[in-house]
Protein backbone atom coordinates (compact mmCIF):
# COMPACT_ATOMS: atom_id res chain seq x y z
CA MET A 1 155.07 130.34 33.19
CA THR A 2 153.77 127.36 35.12
CA HIS A 3 154.61 128.80 38.55
CA ALA A 4 151.96 131.48 37.99
CA LEU A 5 149.13 129.07 37.12
CA PRO A 6 146.11 129.29 39.45
CA GLY A 7 145.70 126.13 41.50
CA TYR A 8 142.81 123.78 42.12
CA VAL A 9 140.37 123.94 45.02
CA CYS A 10 137.64 121.45 45.90
CA PRO A 11 134.20 123.10 46.21
CA GLU A 12 133.08 120.45 48.72
CA ASP A 13 135.93 120.28 51.26
CA ASP A 14 138.31 123.12 50.31
CA THR A 15 141.20 120.74 49.53
CA ARG A 16 143.81 122.60 47.48
CA ALA A 17 146.40 121.38 45.00
CA ASP A 18 149.11 122.69 42.70
CA VAL A 19 148.04 122.34 39.08
CA ARG A 20 151.48 120.95 38.20
CA THR A 21 151.23 117.96 40.53
CA ALA A 22 147.50 117.56 41.31
CA PRO A 23 145.55 114.37 40.61
CA TRP A 24 142.66 114.72 38.20
CA CYS A 25 140.08 114.83 41.02
CA CYS A 26 140.00 115.83 44.68
CA PRO A 27 141.87 113.12 46.62
CA VAL A 28 139.51 113.51 49.60
CA CYS A 29 136.03 113.36 48.03
CA ALA A 30 136.91 112.26 44.45
CA GLY A 31 134.87 115.18 43.12
CA PRO A 32 135.75 117.69 40.39
CA TRP A 33 138.01 120.65 41.01
CA ASP A 34 137.20 124.34 40.95
CA LEU A 35 139.85 126.96 40.22
CA ASP A 36 141.38 129.34 42.75
CA PHE A 37 140.96 132.29 40.42
CA THR A 38 138.89 135.48 40.39
CA PRO A 39 139.47 138.14 37.72
CA ASP A 40 140.05 141.66 38.98
CA PRO A 41 136.70 143.46 38.51
CA ALA A 42 138.53 146.78 38.31
CA GLY A 43 140.99 145.54 35.70
CA PRO A 44 140.75 146.56 32.04
CA LEU A 45 138.50 144.42 29.87
CA GLU A 46 138.81 145.62 26.29
CA PRO A 47 138.17 142.61 24.04
CA SER A 48 138.03 144.69 20.86
CA ALA A 49 141.73 145.40 21.32
CA GLY A 50 142.59 141.71 21.55
CA PRO A 51 143.04 138.91 19.00
CA ASN A 52 140.20 137.52 16.88
CA SER A 53 139.68 134.55 19.21
CA LEU A 54 138.46 133.90 22.73
CA TRP A 55 141.90 135.00 23.93
CA ARG A 56 140.52 138.53 23.45
CA TYR A 57 139.19 138.07 27.01
CA GLY A 58 142.67 137.36 28.38
CA ALA A 59 142.15 139.75 31.31
CA ALA A 60 139.37 137.45 32.58
CA LEU A 61 141.18 134.16 31.86
CA PRO A 62 143.47 132.22 34.23
CA LEU A 63 146.37 131.49 31.88
CA PRO A 64 148.83 134.38 32.21
CA GLY A 65 151.35 135.41 29.61
CA ALA A 66 151.44 134.70 25.92
CA PHE A 67 149.31 131.89 24.53
CA SER A 68 150.32 129.77 21.54
CA VAL A 69 147.37 127.40 20.98
CA SER A 70 144.52 128.83 18.93
CA LEU A 71 142.40 128.16 15.84
CA ALA A 72 140.70 131.57 15.94
CA GLU A 73 137.92 130.03 18.03
CA GLY A 74 135.07 132.15 19.32
CA ASN A 75 133.62 135.33 17.83
CA THR A 76 130.53 133.42 16.71
CA PRO A 77 127.59 135.56 15.55
CA LEU A 78 124.13 136.15 16.96
CA VAL A 79 121.21 135.83 14.54
CA PRO A 80 117.52 136.47 15.26
CA LEU A 81 115.14 133.52 15.46
CA VAL A 82 111.93 135.23 16.55
CA GLU A 83 111.18 138.45 18.34
CA ARG A 84 113.24 138.75 21.55
CA ILE A 85 115.11 135.46 20.94
CA HIS A 86 118.50 135.23 19.23
CA ALA A 87 120.65 132.18 18.48
CA LYS A 88 124.40 132.15 18.96
CA LEU A 89 126.00 130.05 16.25
CA ASP A 90 128.66 128.14 18.14
CA PHE A 91 128.47 125.34 15.57
CA LEU A 92 130.65 127.66 13.45
CA MET A 93 133.61 127.01 15.75
CA PRO A 94 136.73 125.38 14.20
CA THR A 95 135.66 121.80 15.01
CA LEU A 96 131.95 122.62 14.63
CA SER A 97 130.99 122.67 18.32
CA PHE A 98 131.13 124.94 21.37
CA LYS A 99 133.52 122.49 23.06
CA ASP A 100 136.38 124.31 21.34
CA ARG A 101 135.99 127.03 23.96
CA GLY A 102 137.04 124.70 26.75
CA ALA A 103 139.38 122.48 24.74
CA VAL A 104 141.66 125.34 23.76
CA MET A 105 142.10 126.21 27.45
CA LEU A 106 142.83 122.61 28.46
CA VAL A 107 145.34 122.09 25.67
CA GLU A 108 147.10 125.39 26.31
CA LEU A 109 147.39 124.30 29.95
CA ALA A 110 148.69 120.89 28.86
CA ARG A 111 151.23 122.52 26.54
CA ARG A 112 152.62 124.48 29.47
CA LEU A 113 152.79 121.38 31.69
CA GLY A 114 154.46 119.26 28.99
CA PRO A 115 152.89 115.78 29.38
CA GLU A 116 153.84 112.75 27.29
CA ARG A 117 150.24 112.30 26.17
CA VAL A 118 146.80 113.81 26.61
CA VAL A 119 143.82 111.57 27.43
CA ALA A 120 140.15 112.53 27.12
CA ASP A 121 136.76 110.86 27.25
CA SER A 122 133.82 112.06 25.21
CA SER A 123 130.55 111.20 23.52
CA GLY A 124 131.93 113.00 20.47
CA ASN A 125 132.28 116.77 20.38
CA ALA A 126 134.67 117.27 23.30
CA GLY A 127 136.89 114.52 21.93
CA THR A 128 137.09 116.07 18.48
CA SER A 129 137.92 119.43 20.03
CA VAL A 130 140.69 118.07 22.25
CA ALA A 131 142.08 116.07 19.32
CA ALA A 132 142.18 119.14 17.07
CA TYR A 133 143.84 121.38 19.62
CA CYS A 134 146.35 118.70 20.56
CA ALA A 135 147.24 118.48 16.88
CA ARG A 136 147.67 122.24 16.85
CA ALA A 137 149.91 122.08 19.93
CA GLY A 138 151.89 119.03 18.77
CA LEU A 139 150.70 116.84 21.67
CA SER A 140 149.95 113.12 21.54
CA CYS A 141 146.23 112.51 22.13
CA GLU A 142 144.06 109.51 23.05
CA VAL A 143 140.25 109.75 23.17
CA PHE A 144 137.92 107.21 24.80
CA VAL A 145 134.42 107.14 23.26
CA PRO A 146 131.32 105.02 23.92
CA GLU A 147 130.26 102.45 21.37
CA GLY A 148 127.73 103.95 18.99
CA THR A 149 129.50 107.33 18.80
CA SER A 150 128.93 109.00 15.45
CA GLU A 151 131.44 107.70 12.93
CA LYS A 152 131.76 111.21 11.59
CA LYS A 153 133.02 112.37 14.96
CA THR A 154 135.46 109.51 15.45
CA ALA A 155 136.74 110.00 11.89
CA GLN A 156 137.40 113.63 12.73
CA MET A 157 139.37 112.62 15.85
CA ARG A 158 141.49 110.20 13.84
CA ALA A 159 142.04 112.80 11.12
CA HIS A 160 143.63 115.03 13.77
CA GLY A 161 146.00 112.19 14.69
CA ALA A 162 144.28 111.04 17.89
CA THR A 163 144.08 107.40 18.93
CA VAL A 164 140.40 106.47 19.44
CA ARG A 165 139.46 103.86 22.05
CA VAL A 166 135.88 102.59 21.65
CA VAL A 167 134.47 101.46 25.02
CA PRO A 168 131.57 98.98 25.30
CA GLY A 169 128.66 100.53 27.18
CA GLY A 170 127.52 104.10 27.66
CA ARG A 171 128.99 107.41 28.67
CA GLU A 172 129.71 106.43 32.27
CA ALA A 173 131.69 103.34 31.23
CA THR A 174 133.72 105.49 28.86
CA ALA A 175 134.59 107.99 31.58
CA ALA A 176 135.62 105.16 33.89
CA ALA A 177 137.95 103.72 31.23
CA ALA A 178 139.68 107.06 30.70
CA ARG A 179 140.02 107.71 34.42
CA ALA A 180 141.68 104.34 34.86
CA VAL A 181 144.70 105.69 32.98
CA ALA A 182 144.40 109.33 34.06
CA ASP A 183 146.91 109.03 36.92
CA GLU A 184 149.57 107.16 34.95
CA PRO A 185 152.95 108.93 34.72
CA GLY A 186 153.16 111.47 31.91
CA VAL A 187 149.39 111.65 31.34
CA PHE A 188 147.36 114.87 31.30
CA TYR A 189 143.66 114.08 31.70
CA ALA A 190 141.84 116.66 29.57
CA SER A 191 138.54 116.19 31.35
CA HIS A 192 135.90 118.66 30.29
CA VAL A 193 133.99 117.69 33.46
CA PHE A 194 136.63 117.50 36.22
CA ASN A 195 139.15 120.12 35.08
CA PRO A 196 137.95 123.67 35.84
CA TYR A 197 140.11 125.24 33.15
CA PHE A 198 137.51 123.94 30.70
CA LEU A 199 134.82 126.05 32.40
CA GLN A 200 137.09 129.07 32.16
CA GLY A 201 136.96 128.58 28.40
CA THR A 202 133.21 128.03 28.13
CA LYS A 203 132.54 131.21 30.09
CA THR A 204 133.71 133.17 27.03
CA TYR A 205 130.36 132.24 25.45
CA ALA A 206 128.62 134.65 27.84
CA TYR A 207 131.38 137.23 27.54
CA GLU A 208 130.83 137.25 23.77
CA VAL A 209 127.08 137.69 24.22
CA TRP A 210 127.82 140.60 26.56
CA GLU A 211 130.09 142.16 23.95
CA GLU A 212 127.69 141.54 21.06
CA LEU A 213 124.85 143.19 23.00
CA GLY A 214 126.85 146.31 23.64
CA GLY A 215 127.83 145.67 27.25
CA ARG A 216 124.81 143.86 28.63
CA LEU A 217 123.34 140.38 28.85
CA PRO A 218 119.86 139.22 27.84
CA GLU A 219 117.27 138.57 30.51
CA ALA A 220 117.71 134.82 30.06
CA LEU A 221 120.36 132.45 28.75
CA VAL A 222 118.89 129.12 27.62
CA VAL A 223 121.48 126.35 27.91
CA PRO A 224 121.47 122.58 27.18
CA VAL A 225 122.71 120.66 30.21
CA GLY A 226 124.30 117.22 30.49
CA ASN A 227 127.54 117.65 32.42
CA GLY A 228 126.76 121.35 32.64
CA THR A 229 130.00 122.76 31.25
CA LEU A 230 128.36 125.52 29.21
CA LEU A 231 125.90 126.44 31.96
CA LEU A 232 128.57 126.60 34.66
CA GLY A 233 130.80 128.65 32.38
CA ALA A 234 127.92 131.05 31.72
CA ALA A 235 127.27 131.28 35.46
CA LEU A 236 130.94 132.12 36.06
CA ALA A 237 130.84 134.87 33.45
CA ALA A 238 127.56 136.27 34.77
CA GLU A 239 129.04 136.46 38.28
CA GLU A 240 132.22 138.12 37.03
CA LEU A 241 130.33 140.62 34.88
CA ALA A 242 127.94 141.37 37.76
CA ARG A 243 130.98 142.71 39.65
CA ARG A 244 131.33 145.15 36.77
CA GLY A 245 127.72 146.28 37.10
CA VAL A 246 126.12 144.02 34.46
CA ARG A 247 122.69 142.61 35.33
CA PRO A 248 122.94 138.78 35.40
CA PRO A 249 120.49 136.67 33.37
CA ALA A 250 118.24 133.86 34.51
CA LEU A 251 119.65 130.48 33.48
CA ILE A 252 117.10 128.26 31.73
CA ALA A 253 118.54 124.73 31.73
CA VAL A 254 117.29 122.20 29.18
CA GLN A 255 117.53 118.41 29.38
CA ALA A 256 116.25 115.57 27.21
CA ARG A 257 113.24 114.04 28.93
CA GLU A 258 114.68 110.53 28.54
CA VAL A 259 117.77 111.36 30.63
CA SER A 260 117.00 114.24 32.98
CA PRO A 261 118.42 113.70 36.49
CA LEU A 262 119.04 117.40 37.06
CA ALA A 263 115.54 118.50 36.07
CA ALA A 264 114.04 115.88 38.39
CA ALA A 265 116.22 117.03 41.28
CA PHE A 266 115.51 120.70 40.64
CA HIS A 267 111.75 120.31 40.63
CA ALA A 268 111.94 118.07 43.71
CA GLY A 269 113.83 120.78 45.58
CA ALA A 270 116.88 118.54 46.01
CA GLU A 271 120.44 119.85 46.28
CA GLU A 272 121.94 116.76 44.62
CA ALA A 273 120.75 114.64 41.69
CA ALA A 274 120.14 110.92 41.96
CA PRO A 275 121.47 108.83 39.05
CA VAL A 276 118.95 107.78 36.41
CA PRO A 277 119.01 104.97 33.83
CA GLN A 278 120.86 105.53 30.57
CA ARG A 279 118.05 105.62 28.01
CA PRO A 280 118.39 106.27 24.28
CA THR A 281 117.80 109.85 23.17
CA LEU A 282 118.50 111.90 20.07
CA ALA A 283 120.24 114.44 22.32
CA GLU A 284 123.20 112.15 23.02
CA GLY A 285 125.44 115.06 23.98
CA ILE A 286 123.41 115.81 27.12
CA ALA A 287 122.43 112.23 28.05
CA ILE A 288 124.43 112.12 31.30
CA PRO A 289 122.81 109.88 33.97
CA ALA A 290 124.98 111.07 36.89
CA PRO A 291 126.60 114.50 36.34
CA PRO A 292 129.60 114.94 38.69
CA ARG A 293 128.90 118.67 39.07
CA ALA A 294 125.18 118.22 39.75
CA ARG A 295 125.22 120.13 43.03
CA GLN A 296 126.93 123.13 41.43
CA ILE A 297 124.59 123.12 38.43
CA LEU A 298 121.45 123.04 40.57
CA ALA A 299 122.77 125.81 42.81
CA ALA A 300 123.69 128.01 39.84
CA VAL A 301 120.25 127.73 38.24
CA ARG A 302 118.49 128.47 41.53
CA LYS A 303 120.75 131.44 42.29
CA SER A 304 119.99 132.93 38.87
CA GLY A 305 116.23 132.67 39.32
CA GLY A 306 116.04 130.25 36.42
CA THR A 307 114.50 126.83 35.96
CA PHE A 308 114.84 123.43 34.27
CA VAL A 309 112.85 122.32 31.24
CA THR A 310 112.74 118.86 29.64
CA VAL A 311 112.00 118.19 25.98
CA SER A 312 110.57 115.10 24.32
CA GLU A 313 112.05 113.25 21.37
CA ASP A 314 109.25 114.55 19.16
CA ARG A 315 110.08 118.13 20.18
CA LEU A 316 113.77 117.54 19.43
CA ARG A 317 112.91 116.29 15.94
CA ALA A 318 110.56 119.20 15.28
CA ALA A 319 113.08 121.75 16.55
CA GLN A 320 115.90 120.35 14.42
CA ARG A 321 113.69 120.48 11.34
CA ASP A 322 112.47 123.99 12.11
CA LEU A 323 116.01 125.27 12.56
CA ALA A 324 117.04 123.64 9.29
CA ALA A 325 114.17 125.44 7.58
CA ARG A 326 115.62 128.67 8.96
CA GLY A 327 119.00 127.90 7.40
CA LEU A 328 120.55 126.43 10.54
CA PHE A 329 121.37 122.71 10.33
CA VAL A 330 122.44 121.53 13.78
CA GLU A 331 122.69 118.21 15.58
CA PRO A 332 119.75 117.17 17.80
CA THR A 333 121.50 118.12 21.05
CA ALA A 334 121.97 121.62 19.70
CA ALA A 335 118.26 121.84 18.91
CA ALA A 336 117.22 121.08 22.50
CA CYS A 337 117.08 124.70 23.64
CA TRP A 338 115.00 125.76 20.67
CA ALA A 339 112.69 122.83 21.38
CA ALA A 340 112.17 124.26 24.88
CA VAL A 341 111.42 127.88 23.99
CA ALA A 342 110.21 128.00 20.36
CA PRO A 343 106.67 129.25 19.75
CA GLY A 344 104.29 126.39 20.43
CA ALA A 345 106.47 124.73 23.09
CA PRO A 346 104.43 123.00 25.82
CA SER A 347 105.72 125.39 28.50
CA ASP A 348 106.81 129.01 28.38
CA PRO A 349 109.96 129.26 30.52
CA LEU A 350 110.90 132.68 29.13
CA GLN A 351 107.68 134.46 30.14
CA GLY A 352 108.35 137.18 27.57
CA ARG A 353 111.99 137.73 28.52
CA THR A 354 114.72 138.42 25.99
CA ALA A 355 116.91 135.38 25.50
CA VAL A 356 119.84 133.84 23.65
CA VAL A 357 119.95 130.13 22.79
CA PRO A 358 123.17 128.37 21.78
CA LEU A 359 123.35 126.22 18.66
CA CYS A 360 126.25 124.14 19.91
CA GLY A 361 127.02 121.51 17.27
CA ALA A 362 126.71 121.19 13.51
CA GLY A 363 124.27 118.76 11.92
CA ALA A 364 127.02 117.57 9.59
CA LYS A 365 128.69 115.89 12.60
CA THR A 366 125.90 113.37 13.05
CA GLY A 367 124.34 110.74 10.82
CA GLY A 368 121.33 108.48 10.95
CA PRO A 369 117.76 108.68 9.73
CA LEU A 370 116.86 111.97 11.41
CA SER A 371 119.75 113.93 9.95
CA ALA A 372 119.10 112.42 6.54
CA ALA A 373 115.42 113.30 6.81
CA VAL A 374 116.25 116.88 7.75
CA ALA A 375 118.72 117.12 4.89
CA ARG A 376 116.03 115.92 2.45
CA HIS A 377 113.22 117.99 3.93
CA ASP A 378 111.69 120.58 1.64
CA ALA A 379 111.95 123.80 3.64
CA ARG A 380 109.07 125.32 1.67
CA HIS A 381 106.72 123.29 3.87
CA LEU A 382 108.08 124.76 7.11
CA PRO A 383 107.74 128.28 8.50
CA GLY A 384 110.88 130.35 8.93
CA ILE A 385 113.53 132.23 7.06
CA VAL A 386 116.78 131.16 5.49
CA THR A 387 119.64 132.88 7.26
CA GLU A 388 122.98 133.58 5.66
CA ILE A 389 125.66 132.34 8.07
CA ARG A 390 128.92 134.24 8.34
CA ARG A 391 131.47 135.11 11.01
CA PRO A 392 131.62 138.91 10.92
CA PRO A 393 133.48 141.07 13.44
CA ILE A 394 131.52 141.36 16.68
CA THR A 395 129.03 144.20 16.61
CA PRO A 396 126.13 144.92 19.00
CA ALA A 397 123.03 142.88 18.12
CA ALA A 398 119.72 144.62 17.67
CA GLY A 399 116.33 143.41 18.83
CA LEU A 400 117.13 142.25 22.35
CA ALA A 401 116.22 145.34 24.29
CA PRO A 402 114.59 144.38 27.60
């Protein structure tokens, strides 16, 4: 029931708004919303009794009552990479990326609000997720993408019935084009950056890790960061689980060296990130020159005792190839975390701590010379193991004892 939906609150000036009538951003500062919602730490949290999807964590989610939008998202497995480091295979989600976690929440919210159409902007994965879940919910969808977006991703959007608008320029120009229509009558802006319901979905990533590890979290969560939706979701979950007595992890944030405003701000001791030029990088999914939630991201990493790491294009290539040799073919953005912490990395941000890295998007979603080279590469010439990939029921993972 829409009257029970938690409302929006601005983290900068405490402006509040009803989710049914609110603009897509704070009308005072034009910044992104947070959600006026805190799960009851004394309430029951028994995911094993719930459905085989992220809705199993319904007690910690802000959408009350029965849900209807789902593609059995979530429940992705952990597999070992090396001693004390596991990978969580979020590229096995229904649309082959972790963005399904947030998209299902946004589209379920949209279904309850009943707009005439849903609008989103994306460099690829978020758009395909919103398009798929809108198809599931029977909602009209329009996705704005930057020129140069992988044709495989735009083809997937169109296959789900979405209208794709290609915008000249980079990611910022695309967001501006979508926001220009976001306040039109009958439009729901499914922004994975400005709408906090998306973060409520991505936090289930950390809840699943907690469940898979038998009621605890690793000492570190390594997370790729562009707009920071996975990191901020993980921080939300860590804070909520801490109220239940779970030790929170350090957040190790990873950016591509070519576009790394947050890393620069973090190491300079700044509370806000200055915009940087939009340079080409293989990790297109995290190439965000001016993240709207920069202040929150920096604060979350500092509060956790974590740090920022940047990775070069050569490290991204090497990490993608190494993961492929281990049976895990992911897109370059998804290889960024492994590039930062794999044996032989230039720095050692883990310092011996147990860790989980997310593999966020499938290699089949991207094209180009690198993906083709990885697909052709003879794995016999690379170290590693071939891992059988399945989606079994969640069971505690071994090998991550602190």
